[in-house]
C-alpha atoms as a PDB file:
ATOM      1  CA  MET A   1     -17.954  25.113 134.376  1.00  0.00           C
ATOM      2  CA  ARG A   2     -15.654  28.045 135.029  1.00  0.00           C
ATOM      3  CA  THR A   3     -13.470  25.747 136.441  1.00  0.00           C
ATOM      4  CA  ALA A   4     -13.271  23.354 133.596  1.00  0.00           C
ATOM      5  CA  ARG A   5     -12.738  26.059 130.855  1.00  0.00           C
ATOM      6  CA  ALA A   6     -10.291  27.453 133.191  1.00  0.00           C
ATOM      7  CA  ALA A   7      -8.337  24.126 133.216  1.00  0.00           C
ATOM      8  CA  GLN A   8      -8.593  24.146 129.455  1.00  0.00           C
ATOM      9  CA  GLY A   9      -7.244  27.674 129.173  1.00  0.00           C
ATOM     10  CA  LEU A  10      -3.992  26.673 131.083  1.00  0.00           C
ATOM     11  CA  ILE A  11      -3.535  23.952 128.907  1.00  0.00           C
ATOM     12  CA  SER A  12      -4.055  25.802 125.303  1.00  0.00           C
ATOM     13  CA  ARG A  13      -2.034  27.988 126.531  1.00  0.00           C
ATOM     14  CA  ALA A  14       1.542  26.953 128.437  1.00  0.00           C
ATOM     15  CA  LEU A  15       1.354  23.075 129.102  1.00  0.00           C
ATOM     16  CA  PHE A  16       1.762  20.230 126.751  1.00  0.00           C
ATOM     17  CA  LEU A  17       1.846  17.857 129.653  1.00  0.00           C
ATOM     18  CA  PRO A  18       3.624  16.307 131.509  1.00  0.00           C
ATOM     19  CA  ARG A  19       6.636  16.301 132.746  1.00  0.00           C
ATOM     20  CA  GLY A  20       8.910  17.411 135.755  1.00  0.00           C
ATOM     21  CA  ILE A  21      10.167  15.608 139.333  1.00  0.00           C
ATOM     22  CA  PRO A  22       7.196  14.044 140.658  1.00  0.00           C
ATOM     23  CA  SER A  23       5.272  15.554 143.291  1.00  0.00           C
ATOM     24  CA  SER A  24       6.879  13.213 146.056  1.00  0.00           C
ATOM     25  CA  PHE A  25      10.213  14.442 144.903  1.00  0.00           C
ATOM     26  CA  ALA A  26       9.199  18.209 145.878  1.00  0.00           C
ATOM     27  CA  GLY A  27      12.036  19.226 148.745  1.00  0.00           C
ATOM     28  CA  ALA A  28      13.589  15.652 147.939  1.00  0.00           C
ATOM     29  CA  SER A  29      17.135  15.209 148.688  1.00  0.00           C
ATOM     30  CA  THR A  30      20.222  15.688 145.480  1.00  0.00           C
ATOM     31  CA  ALA A  31      21.052  12.466 146.100  1.00  0.00           C
ATOM     32  CA  ALA A  32      16.624  11.434 145.902  1.00  0.00           C
ATOM     33  CA  LEU A  33      16.951  13.992 142.802  1.00  0.00           C
ATOM     34  CA  ALA A  34      19.656  12.239 141.721  1.00  0.00           C
ATOM     35  CA  VAL A  35      17.769   8.175 141.416  1.00  0.00           C
ATOM     36  CA  GLU A  36      14.750  10.693 139.900  1.00  0.00           C
ATOM     37  CA  ARG A  37      17.194  11.665 137.019  1.00  0.00           C
ATOM     38  CA  ARG A  38      18.692   8.369 136.337  1.00  0.00           C
ATOM     39  CA  ASN A  39      15.003   6.832 135.342  1.00  0.00           C
ATOM     40  CA  ARG A  40      15.228   6.594 131.732  1.00  0.00           C
ATOM     41  CA  TRP A  41      12.294   7.138 129.854  1.00  0.00           C
ATOM     42  CA  TRP A  42      12.959   4.057 127.682  1.00  0.00           C
ATOM     43  CA  PHE A  43      13.692   0.683 128.920  1.00  0.00           C
ATOM     44  CA  PRO A  44      17.933  -0.721 128.563  1.00  0.00           C
ATOM     45  CA  PRO A  45      17.902  -2.714 124.865  1.00  0.00           C
ATOM     46  CA  ASN A  46      19.582  -5.905 127.324  1.00  0.00           C
ATOM     47  CA  ALA A  47      17.686  -5.723 130.505  1.00  0.00           C
ATOM     48  CA  ALA A  48      19.212  -9.650 131.144  1.00  0.00           C
ATOM     49  CA  THR A  49      22.295  -8.478 130.911  1.00  0.00           C
ATOM     50  CA  VAL A  50      21.657  -5.608 133.699  1.00  0.00           C
ATOM     51  CA  LYS A  51      20.340  -8.312 135.699  1.00  0.00           C
ATOM     52  CA  SER A  52      23.229 -10.275 135.677  1.00  0.00           C
ATOM     53  CA  VAL A  53      25.295  -8.408 137.367  1.00  0.00           C
ATOM     54  CA  PRO A  54      24.971  -8.157 141.712  1.00  0.00           C
ATOM     55  CA  ILE A  55      23.573  -4.764 142.524  1.00  0.00           C
ATOM     56  CA  GLY A  56      25.660  -4.119 144.338  1.00  0.00           C
ATOM     57  CA  ILE A  57      28.470  -3.539 141.866  1.00  0.00           C
ATOM     58  CA  ALA A  58      26.189  -2.804 138.848  1.00  0.00           C
ATOM     59  CA  GLY A  59      25.211   0.963 141.077  1.00  0.00           C
ATOM     60  CA  ALA A  60      28.680   1.584 141.960  1.00  0.00           C
ATOM     61  CA  VAL A  61      29.977   1.199 138.933  1.00  0.00           C
ATOM     62  CA  SER A  62      26.558   2.708 137.279  1.00  0.00           C
ATOM     63  CA  PHE A  63      27.076   5.942 139.837  1.00  0.00           C
ATOM     64  CA  SER A  64      30.713   6.377 139.275  1.00  0.00           C
ATOM     65  CA  LEU A  65      30.683   6.497 135.650  1.00  0.00           C
ATOM     66  CA  THR A  66      27.128   8.536 135.668  1.00  0.00           C
ATOM     67  CA  PHE A  67      29.371  11.121 138.301  1.00  0.00           C
ATOM     68  CA  ALA A  68      32.421  11.455 135.817  1.00  0.00           C
ATOM     69  CA  THR A  69      30.313  11.702 132.970  1.00  0.00           C
ATOM     70  CA  VAL A  70      28.708  14.441 134.274  1.00  0.00           C
ATOM     71  CA  ALA A  71      30.886  16.451 136.291  1.00  0.00           C
ATOM     72  CA  GLU A  72      32.721  16.983 132.624  1.00  0.00           C
ATOM     73  CA  ALA A  73      29.352  17.531 131.094  1.00  0.00           C
ATOM     74  CA  LYS A  74      28.464  20.888 132.997  1.00  0.00           C
ATOM     75  CA  GLU A  75      29.595  24.062 131.449  1.00  0.00           C
ATOM     76  CA  ARG A  76      29.449  26.471 135.367  1.00  0.00           C
ATOM     77  CA  PRO A  77      30.780  29.657 134.697  1.00  0.00           C
ATOM     78  CA  PRO A  78      32.342  31.691 136.321  1.00  0.00           C
ATOM     79  CA  THR A  79      32.070  32.758 139.949  1.00  0.00           C
ATOM     80  CA  ASP A  80      32.269  35.800 138.975  1.00  0.00           C
ATOM     81  CA  LEU A  81      29.639  35.720 136.847  1.00  0.00           C
ATOM     82  CA  LEU A  82      27.382  33.461 138.130  1.00  0.00           C
ATOM     83  CA  PRO A  83      24.129  35.337 139.395  1.00  0.00           C
ATOM     84  CA  LYS A  84      23.535  35.388 142.620  1.00  0.00           C
ATOM     85  CA  GLU A  85      19.523  34.978 143.327  1.00  0.00           C
ATOM     86  CA  VAL A  86      17.475  33.394 140.828  1.00  0.00           C
ATOM     87  CA  VAL A  87      13.978  32.169 141.325  1.00  0.00           C
ATOM     88  CA  LEU A  88      12.063  30.496 138.120  1.00  0.00           C
ATOM     89  CA  TYR A  89       8.105  30.502 138.616  1.00  0.00           C
ATOM     90  CA  GLN A  90       6.541  27.152 136.007  1.00  0.00           C
ATOM     91  CA  TYR A  91       4.846  25.165 136.340  1.00  0.00           C
ATOM     92  CA  GLN A  92       6.232  21.969 136.058  1.00  0.00           C
ATOM     93  CA  ALA A  93       4.770  20.064 133.291  1.00  0.00           C
ATOM     94  CA  CYS A  94       5.575  23.303 131.381  1.00  0.00           C
ATOM     95  CA  PRO A  95       7.867  22.631 128.007  1.00  0.00           C
ATOM     96  CA  PHE A  96       9.377  26.538 127.874  1.00  0.00           C
ATOM     97  CA  CYS A  97      10.177  25.890 131.422  1.00  0.00           C
ATOM     98  CA  ASN A  98      11.853  22.909 131.314  1.00  0.00           C
ATOM     99  CA  LYS A  99      13.343  24.539 128.102  1.00  0.00           C
ATOM    100  CA  VAL A 100      14.908  26.947 130.831  1.00  0.00           C
ATOM    101  CA  ARG A 101      14.887  24.859 133.851  1.00  0.00           C
ATOM    102  CA  ALA A 102      18.055  22.880 130.996  1.00  0.00           C
ATOM    103  CA  PHE A 103      19.924  25.414 130.679  1.00  0.00           C
ATOM    104  CA  LEU A 104      19.926  26.336 134.622  1.00  0.00           C
ATOM    105  CA  ASP A 105      21.299  22.857 135.160  1.00  0.00           C
ATOM    106  CA  TYR A 106      23.763  22.298 132.028  1.00  0.00           C
ATOM    107  CA  HIS A 107      25.101  25.409 133.529  1.00  0.00           C
ATOM    108  CA  ASP A 108      24.835  24.259 137.325  1.00  0.00           C
ATOM    109  CA  ILE A 109      23.763  27.999 137.915  1.00  0.00           C
ATOM    110  CA  PRO A 110      21.680  27.551 141.922  1.00  0.00           C
ATOM    111  CA  TYR A 111      18.661  28.776 141.378  1.00  0.00           C
ATOM    112  CA  LYS A 112      14.887  28.316 142.810  1.00  0.00           C
ATOM    113  CA  VAL A 113      11.125  27.562 142.161  1.00  0.00           C
ATOM    114  CA  VAL A 114       7.935  28.632 142.903  1.00  0.00           C
ATOM    115  CA  GLU A 115       5.128  25.684 141.592  1.00  0.00           C
ATOM    116  CA  VAL A 116       2.352  28.423 139.700  1.00  0.00           C
ATOM    117  CA  ASN A 117      -1.142  26.788 140.144  1.00  0.00           C
ATOM    118  CA  PRO A 118      -2.394  28.005 136.814  1.00  0.00           C
ATOM    119  CA  LEU A 119      -5.773  28.340 138.393  1.00  0.00           C
ATOM    120  CA  SER A 120      -4.921  30.862 140.220  1.00  0.00           C
ATOM    121  CA  LYS A 121      -1.669  32.671 139.028  1.00  0.00           C
ATOM    122  CA  LYS A 122      -1.887  33.574 142.302  1.00  0.00           C
ATOM    123  CA  GLU A 123       2.078  33.359 142.910  1.00  0.00           C
ATOM    124  CA  ILE A 124       2.679  35.871 139.987  1.00  0.00           C
ATOM    125  CA  LYS A 125       0.467  38.481 140.568  1.00  0.00           C
ATOM    126  CA  TRP A 126       3.064  41.090 141.362  1.00  0.00           C
ATOM    127  CA  SER A 127       4.406  40.428 137.567  1.00  0.00           C
ATOM    128  CA  ASP A 128       2.326  42.237 134.680  1.00  0.00           C
ATOM    129  CA  TYR A 129       3.277  39.070 132.716  1.00  0.00           C
ATOM    130  CA  LYS A 130       0.604  36.218 133.307  1.00  0.00           C
ATOM    131  CA  LYS A 131       2.046  33.636 132.003  1.00  0.00           C
ATOM    132  CA  VAL A 132       4.896  31.477 133.035  1.00  0.00           C
ATOM    133  CA  PRO A 133       7.875  30.827 132.948  1.00  0.00           C
ATOM    134  CA  ILE A 134       8.739  34.095 134.406  1.00  0.00           C
ATOM    135  CA  LEU A 135      13.032  33.597 136.006  1.00  0.00           C
ATOM    136  CA  VAL A 136      13.890  36.369 138.493  1.00  0.00           C
ATOM    137  CA  VAL A 137      17.947  37.413 138.250  1.00  0.00           C
ATOM    138  CA  ASP A 138      18.777  39.201 141.081  1.00  0.00           C
ATOM    139  CA  GLY A 139      15.507  41.458 141.361  1.00  0.00           C
ATOM    140  CA  GLU A 140      15.468  41.337 137.125  1.00  0.00           C
ATOM    141  CA  GLN A 141      12.522  40.028 135.883  1.00  0.00           C
ATOM    142  CA  LEU A 142      12.347  38.138 132.585  1.00  0.00           C
ATOM    143  CA  VAL A 143      10.223  36.727 131.082  1.00  0.00           C
ATOM    144  CA  ASP A 144       9.959  34.357 127.191  1.00  0.00           C
ATOM    145  CA  SER A 145      11.903  30.872 127.325  1.00  0.00           C
ATOM    146  CA  SER A 146      14.208  31.863 124.205  1.00  0.00           C
ATOM    147  CA  GLU A 147      14.400  35.265 125.588  1.00  0.00           C
ATOM    148  CA  ILE A 148      15.887  34.583 128.921  1.00  0.00           C
ATOM    149  CA  ILE A 149      17.984  32.245 128.102  1.00  0.00           C
ATOM    150  CA  ASN A 150      19.454  34.984 125.352  1.00  0.00           C
ATOM    151  CA  LYS A 151      19.857  37.541 128.285  1.00  0.00           C
ATOM    152  CA  LEU A 152      21.083  35.111 130.573  1.00  0.00           C
ATOM    153  CA  ASN A 153      23.945  33.025 128.355  1.00  0.00           C
ATOM    154  CA  HIS A 154      24.876  36.615 127.894  1.00  0.00           C
ATOM    155  CA  ARG A 155      24.883  37.263 130.955  1.00  0.00           C
ATOM    156  CA  ILE A 156      27.264  34.228 131.664  1.00  0.00           C
ATOM    157  CA  ASN A 157      29.230  33.914 128.263  1.00  0.00           C
ATOM    158  CA  PRO A 158      30.093  37.834 127.751  1.00  0.00           C
ATOM    159  CA  ASP A 159      32.171  37.605 125.326  1.00  0.00           C
ATOM    160  CA  ASP A 160      30.400  35.194 123.478  1.00  0.00           C
ATOM    161  CA  ALA A 161      29.029  37.911 120.272  1.00  0.00           C
ATOM    162  CA  ALA A 162      29.597  35.615 117.245  1.00  0.00           C
ATOM    163  CA  THR A 163      25.826  34.365 116.310  1.00  0.00           C
ATOM    164  CA  ASN A 164      25.645  30.476 115.002  1.00  0.00           C
ATOM    165  CA  GLU A 165      23.088  30.536 112.414  1.00  0.00           C
ATOM    166  CA  GLU A 166      23.043  26.909 113.025  1.00  0.00           C
ATOM    167  CA  GLU A 167      22.056  27.483 116.140  1.00  0.00           C
ATOM    168  CA  ALA A 168      19.346  29.768 115.673  1.00  0.00           C
ATOM    169  CA  GLU A 169      17.739  28.212 113.035  1.00  0.00           C
ATOM    170  CA  TRP A 170      16.870  24.776 115.070  1.00  0.00           C
ATOM    171  CA  ARG A 171      16.156  27.145 118.429  1.00  0.00           C
ATOM    172  CA  ARG A 172      13.512  28.314 115.751  1.00  0.00           C
ATOM    173  CA  TRP A 173      12.181  25.469 114.949  1.00  0.00           C
ATOM    174  CA  VAL A 174      11.558  23.876 118.599  1.00  0.00           C
ATOM    175  CA  ASP A 175       9.456  27.420 119.507  1.00  0.00           C
ATOM    176  CA  ASP A 176       7.666  26.793 116.101  1.00  0.00           C
ATOM    177  CA  HIS A 177       7.724  23.367 114.865  1.00  0.00           C
ATOM    178  CA  LEU A 178       8.389  20.468 117.901  1.00  0.00           C
ATOM    179  CA  VAL A 179       6.850  21.975 120.434  1.00  0.00           C
ATOM    180  CA  HIS A 180       3.440  21.803 118.079  1.00  0.00           C
ATOM    181  CA  MET A 181       3.785  18.129 117.762  1.00  0.00           C
ATOM    182  CA  LEU A 182       3.571  17.466 121.470  1.00  0.00           C
ATOM    183  CA  SER A 183      -0.310  18.537 122.359  1.00  0.00           C
ATOM    184  CA  PRO A 184      -1.680  16.062 119.624  1.00  0.00           C
ATOM    185  CA  ASN A 185       0.226  12.927 120.465  1.00  0.00           C
ATOM    186  CA  ILE A 186      -0.062  13.033 123.960  1.00  0.00           C
ATOM    187  CA  TYR A 187      -3.987  14.130 124.321  1.00  0.00           C
ATOM    188  CA  ARG A 188      -4.328  11.667 121.470  1.00  0.00           C
ATOM    189  CA  THR A 189      -6.595   8.960 122.702  1.00  0.00           C
ATOM    190  CA  THR A 190      -8.612  10.081 125.989  1.00  0.00           C
ATOM    191  CA  ALA A 191      -6.517   7.378 128.110  1.00  0.00           C
ATOM    192  CA  GLU A 192      -3.603   9.145 126.361  1.00  0.00           C
ATOM    193  CA  ALA A 193      -5.662  12.789 128.004  1.00  0.00           C
ATOM    194  CA  LEU A 194      -6.746  10.734 131.590  1.00  0.00           C
ATOM    195  CA  GLU A 195      -2.504   9.336 131.416  1.00  0.00           C
ATOM    196  CA  SER A 196      -0.947  12.924 130.754  1.00  0.00           C
ATOM    197  CA  PHE A 197      -4.000  14.444 133.078  1.00  0.00           C
ATOM    198  CA  ASP A 198      -3.492  11.802 136.133  1.00  0.00           C
ATOM    199  CA  TYR A 199      -0.033  12.904 136.066  1.00  0.00           C
ATOM    200  CA  PHE A 200      -0.872  16.783 136.113  1.00  0.00           C
ATOM    201  CA  SER A 201      -3.351  16.947 138.652  1.00  0.00           C
ATOM    202  CA  LYS A 202      -0.254  15.077 140.822  1.00  0.00           C
ATOM    203  CA  ILE A 203       2.517  17.179 140.095  1.00  0.00           C
ATOM    204  CA  GLY A 204       0.485  20.735 139.298  1.00  0.00           C
ATOM    205  CA  ASN A 205       0.036  23.217 142.415  1.00  0.00           C
ATOM    206  CA  PHE A 206      -3.627  22.403 142.826  1.00  0.00           C
ATOM    207  CA  SER A 207      -6.154  21.875 145.110  1.00  0.00           C
ATOM    208  CA  LEU A 208      -8.142  18.867 146.203  1.00  0.00           C
ATOM    209  CA  THR A 209     -11.315  19.729 144.515  1.00  0.00           C
ATOM    210  CA  GLU A 210      -9.063  20.764 141.971  1.00  0.00           C
ATOM    211  CA  LYS A 211      -6.770  18.528 140.630  1.00  0.00           C
ATOM    212  CA  PHE A 212     -10.306  16.245 139.996  1.00  0.00           C
ATOM    213  CA  ALA A 213     -11.315  18.608 138.047  1.00  0.00           C
ATOM    214  CA  VAL A 214      -7.986  19.364 136.037  1.00  0.00           C
ATOM    215  CA  LYS A 215      -7.583  15.563 135.646  1.00  0.00           C
ATOM    216  CA  TYR A 216     -11.020  14.656 134.312  1.00  0.00           C
ATOM    217  CA  MET A 217     -12.881  17.738 132.552  1.00  0.00           C
ATOM    218  CA  GLY A 218      -9.362  19.156 131.485  1.00  0.00           C
ATOM    219  CA  ALA A 219      -8.561  15.789 130.234  1.00  0.00           C
ATOM    220  CA  ALA A 220     -12.057  15.673 127.639  1.00  0.00           C
ATOM    221  CA  ALA A 221     -11.652  19.493 127.172  1.00  0.00           C
ATOM    222  CA  MET A 222      -7.918  18.608 125.682  1.00  0.00           C
ATOM    223  CA  TYR A 223      -9.071  15.775 123.949  1.00  0.00           C
ATOM    224  CA  MET A 224     -11.227  18.261 122.297  1.00  0.00           C
ATOM    225  CA  VAL A 225      -8.479  20.401 121.827  1.00  0.00           C
ATOM    226  CA  ALA A 226      -6.255  18.598 120.320  1.00  0.00           C
ATOM    227  CA  LYS A 227      -8.304  18.188 117.499  1.00  0.00           C
ATOM    228  CA  LYS A 228      -8.180  21.042 116.637  1.00  0.00           C
ATOM    229  CA  LEU A 229      -4.656  21.598 116.616  1.00  0.00           C
ATOM    230  CA  LYS A 230      -3.960  18.326 114.896  1.00  0.00           C
ATOM    231  CA  LYS A 231      -6.401  20.367 111.527  1.00  0.00           C
ATOM    232  CA  LYS A 232      -4.819  23.585 112.516  1.00  0.00           C
ATOM    233  CA  TYR A 233      -0.966  22.213 111.932  1.00  0.00           C
ATOM    234  CA  ASN A 234      -2.113  20.157 109.187  1.00  0.00           C
ATOM    235  CA  ILE A 235      -1.672  17.287 110.930  1.00  0.00           C
ATOM    236  CA  THR A 236      -3.247  13.851 109.388  1.00  0.00           C
ATOM    237  CA  ASP A 237      -1.390  11.161 111.493  1.00  0.00           C
ATOM    238  CA  GLU A 238      -0.289  12.276 114.801  1.00  0.00           C
ATOM    239  CA  ARG A 239       2.843  10.287 116.046  1.00  0.00           C
ATOM    240  CA  ALA A 240       4.093  10.355 112.382  1.00  0.00           C
ATOM    241  CA  ALA A 241       4.443  13.349 112.336  1.00  0.00           C
ATOM    242  CA  LEU A 242       5.716  12.985 115.978  1.00  0.00           C
ATOM    243  CA  TYR A 243       8.381  10.593 114.310  1.00  0.00           C
ATOM    244  CA  ASP A 244       9.724  12.804 111.578  1.00  0.00           C
ATOM    245  CA  ALA A 245      10.715  15.408 113.805  1.00  0.00           C
ATOM    246  CA  ALA A 246      12.590  13.324 116.244  1.00  0.00           C
ATOM    247  CA  ASN A 247      14.571  12.335 112.673  1.00  0.00           C
ATOM    248  CA  THR A 248      14.603  15.819 111.483  1.00  0.00           C
ATOM    249  CA  TRP A 249      16.303  16.258 114.925  1.00  0.00           C
ATOM    250  CA  THR A 250      18.100  13.495 114.362  1.00  0.00           C
ATOM    251  CA  GLU A 251      19.466  13.232 110.620  1.00  0.00           C
ATOM    252  CA  VAL A 252      20.471  16.802 111.327  1.00  0.00           C
ATOM    253  CA  LEU A 253      23.523  15.548 114.035  1.00  0.00           C
ATOM    254  CA  ASN A 254      24.503  14.226 110.748  1.00  0.00           C
ATOM    255  CA  GLY A 255      26.826  12.197 113.647  1.00  0.00           C
ATOM    256  CA  ARG A 256      27.834  14.487 116.063  1.00  0.00           C
ATOM    257  CA  ASP A 257      27.352  13.736 119.696  1.00  0.00           C
ATOM    258  CA  PHE A 258      25.047  17.344 119.657  1.00  0.00           C
ATOM    259  CA  LEU A 259      24.360  20.023 116.978  1.00  0.00           C
ATOM    260  CA  GLY A 260      27.453  21.507 119.297  1.00  0.00           C
ATOM    261  CA  GLY A 261      29.017  18.746 118.800  1.00  0.00           C
ATOM    262  CA  SER A 262      31.366  17.578 120.962  1.00  0.00           C
ATOM    263  CA  LYS A 263      28.943  19.713 124.245  1.00  0.00           C
ATOM    264  CA  PRO A 264      25.153  20.720 123.640  1.00  0.00           C
ATOM    265  CA  ASN A 265      25.102  24.226 122.569  1.00  0.00           C
ATOM    266  CA  LEU A 266      21.555  26.110 122.750  1.00  0.00           C
ATOM    267  CA  ALA A 267      19.556  24.157 120.214  1.00  0.00           C
ATOM    268  CA  ASP A 268      20.316  20.646 121.987  1.00  0.00           C
ATOM    269  CA  LEU A 269      18.663  22.309 125.158  1.00  0.00           C
ATOM    270  CA  ALA A 270      15.939  23.656 123.830  1.00  0.00           C
ATOM    271  CA  VAL A 271      14.759  20.315 122.069  1.00  0.00           C
ATOM    272  CA  PHE A 272      15.818  18.167 125.405  1.00  0.00           C
ATOM    273  CA  GLY A 273      13.751  20.773 127.785  1.00  0.00           C
ATOM    274  CA  VAL A 274      10.790  20.503 125.451  1.00  0.00           C
ATOM    275  CA  LEU A 275      11.002  16.536 124.959  1.00  0.00           C
ATOM    276  CA  ARG A 276      11.262  16.013 129.011  1.00  0.00           C
ATOM    277  CA  PRO A 277       7.343  16.763 129.903  1.00  0.00           C
ATOM    278  CA  ILE A 278       6.711  13.499 127.947  1.00  0.00           C
ATOM    279  CA  ARG A 279       9.030  10.556 129.004  1.00  0.00           C
ATOM    280  CA  TYR A 280       7.134   9.823 131.616  1.00  0.00           C
ATOM    281  CA  LEU A 281       3.951   9.680 129.288  1.00  0.00           C
ATOM    282  CA  GLN A 282       3.686   6.258 126.065  1.00  0.00           C
ATOM    283  CA  ALA A 283       3.568   8.934 123.240  1.00  0.00           C
ATOM    284  CA  GLY A 284       7.633   9.533 124.925  1.00  0.00           C
ATOM    285  CA  ARG A 285       8.131   5.818 125.022  1.00  0.00           C
ATOM    286  CA  ASP A 286       6.421   4.895 121.899  1.00  0.00           C
ATOM    287  CA  LEU A 287       8.983   8.249 121.167  1.00  0.00           C
ATOM    288  CA  VAL A 288      11.736   5.923 121.475  1.00  0.00           C
ATOM    289  CA  GLU A 289      10.917   2.900 120.912  1.00  0.00           C
ATOM    290  CA  ASN A 290      10.450   4.164 116.429  1.00  0.00           C
ATOM    291  CA  THR A 291      13.151   6.488 116.326  1.00  0.00           C
ATOM    292  CA  LYS A 292      16.669   6.909 116.804  1.00  0.00           C
ATOM    293  CA  ILE A 293      16.329  10.193 119.621  1.00  0.00           C
ATOM    294  CA  GLY A 294      17.072   8.232 122.646  1.00  0.00           C
ATOM    295  CA  GLU A 295      20.421   7.799 121.988  1.00  0.00           C
ATOM    296  CA  TRP A 296      20.332  11.291 121.712  1.00  0.00           C
ATOM    297  CA  TYR A 297      18.324  11.780 125.001  1.00  0.00           C
ATOM    298  CA  ASP A 298      20.098   9.888 126.553  1.00  0.00           C
ATOM    299  CA  ARG A 299      23.598  11.859 126.086  1.00  0.00           C
ATOM    300  CA  MET A 300      21.608  14.837 127.261  1.00  0.00           C
ATOM    301  CA  ASP A 301      20.555  13.458 129.909  1.00  0.00           C
ATOM    302  CA  SER A 302      23.873  12.416 131.219  1.00  0.00           C
ATOM    303  CA  ALA A 303      24.875  15.926 130.527  1.00  0.00           C
ATOM    304  CA  VAL A 304      22.929  18.329 132.030  1.00  0.00           C
ATOM    305  CA  GLY A 305      23.468  16.281 135.409  1.00  0.00           C
ATOM    306  CA  ASP A 306      21.737  16.317 138.172  1.00  0.00           C
ATOM    307  CA  PRO A 307      18.706  19.807 139.209  1.00  0.00           C
ATOM    308  CA  SER A 308      21.280  23.375 140.167  1.00  0.00           C
ATOM    309  CA  ARG A 309      17.270  23.445 141.751  1.00  0.00           C
ATOM    310  CA  ILE A 310      17.636  24.566 145.973  1.00  0.00           C
ATOM    311  CA  ASN A 311      14.911  24.001 148.477  1.00  0.00           C
ATOM    312  CA  ALA A 312      13.557  27.889 148.926  1.00  0.00           C
END
């Protein structure tokens, strides 16, 4: 019972499930991570066309185009402004942790990851702050995803003092609205709750005994929690609310590739980071099939590029 309550608590506080590089990629090479990143969360619009191209040629062309796009899109700061050591304490499935990772990856800032066990949290016992993400930058502890990004952005862009009101407004929208659409959708049914927790139990930092409890007890607990969240946020139809949020975002783009124009800004990175946890789930597949957000997500995936995560 204690494990079940802990599982419910940790998900309620931080995990809107799931996301991330599958556990089989932990410690993988850069090439393996690149392959994983290119595994889209939707199917190609014309699979027959793709199959008609010889695999070798298609792979070479795809790699060349992807490499060129990523190379041009990355916004790495000058070497003298790069932090010397960055360590992210995270849950792989946490949308707020994914926000931070999207920022780090897009700016090609190398970082190490410490995966926190959300039941014991032994990896962050040294900190007075008991949530994730925690980012340690050259020995300084930064907390709260939006504040982490604000401080790190100021560090790598010290001359950029202007406040973009549109960007700030949509960053708030992500934290105040979009994230609240996730749990009611990924735990909408018992089957979807089990799908989420099956994935989460594999990518999380759990012992063998904890995995079973997290999958079945956690799924049952969060199915009930999702119902309460649905009521709290006045959601009558989970999918419709999620689609409305996606449509709101694509409409505000107003024909732009990104909210930032020709390249992503902090709001683009925030939306992208928050949505990454659901890309392997039914909710994510439904989202792309029923809205136009997949086109923007594809552009973001190429812009953010390969992870800049380094092995500890």
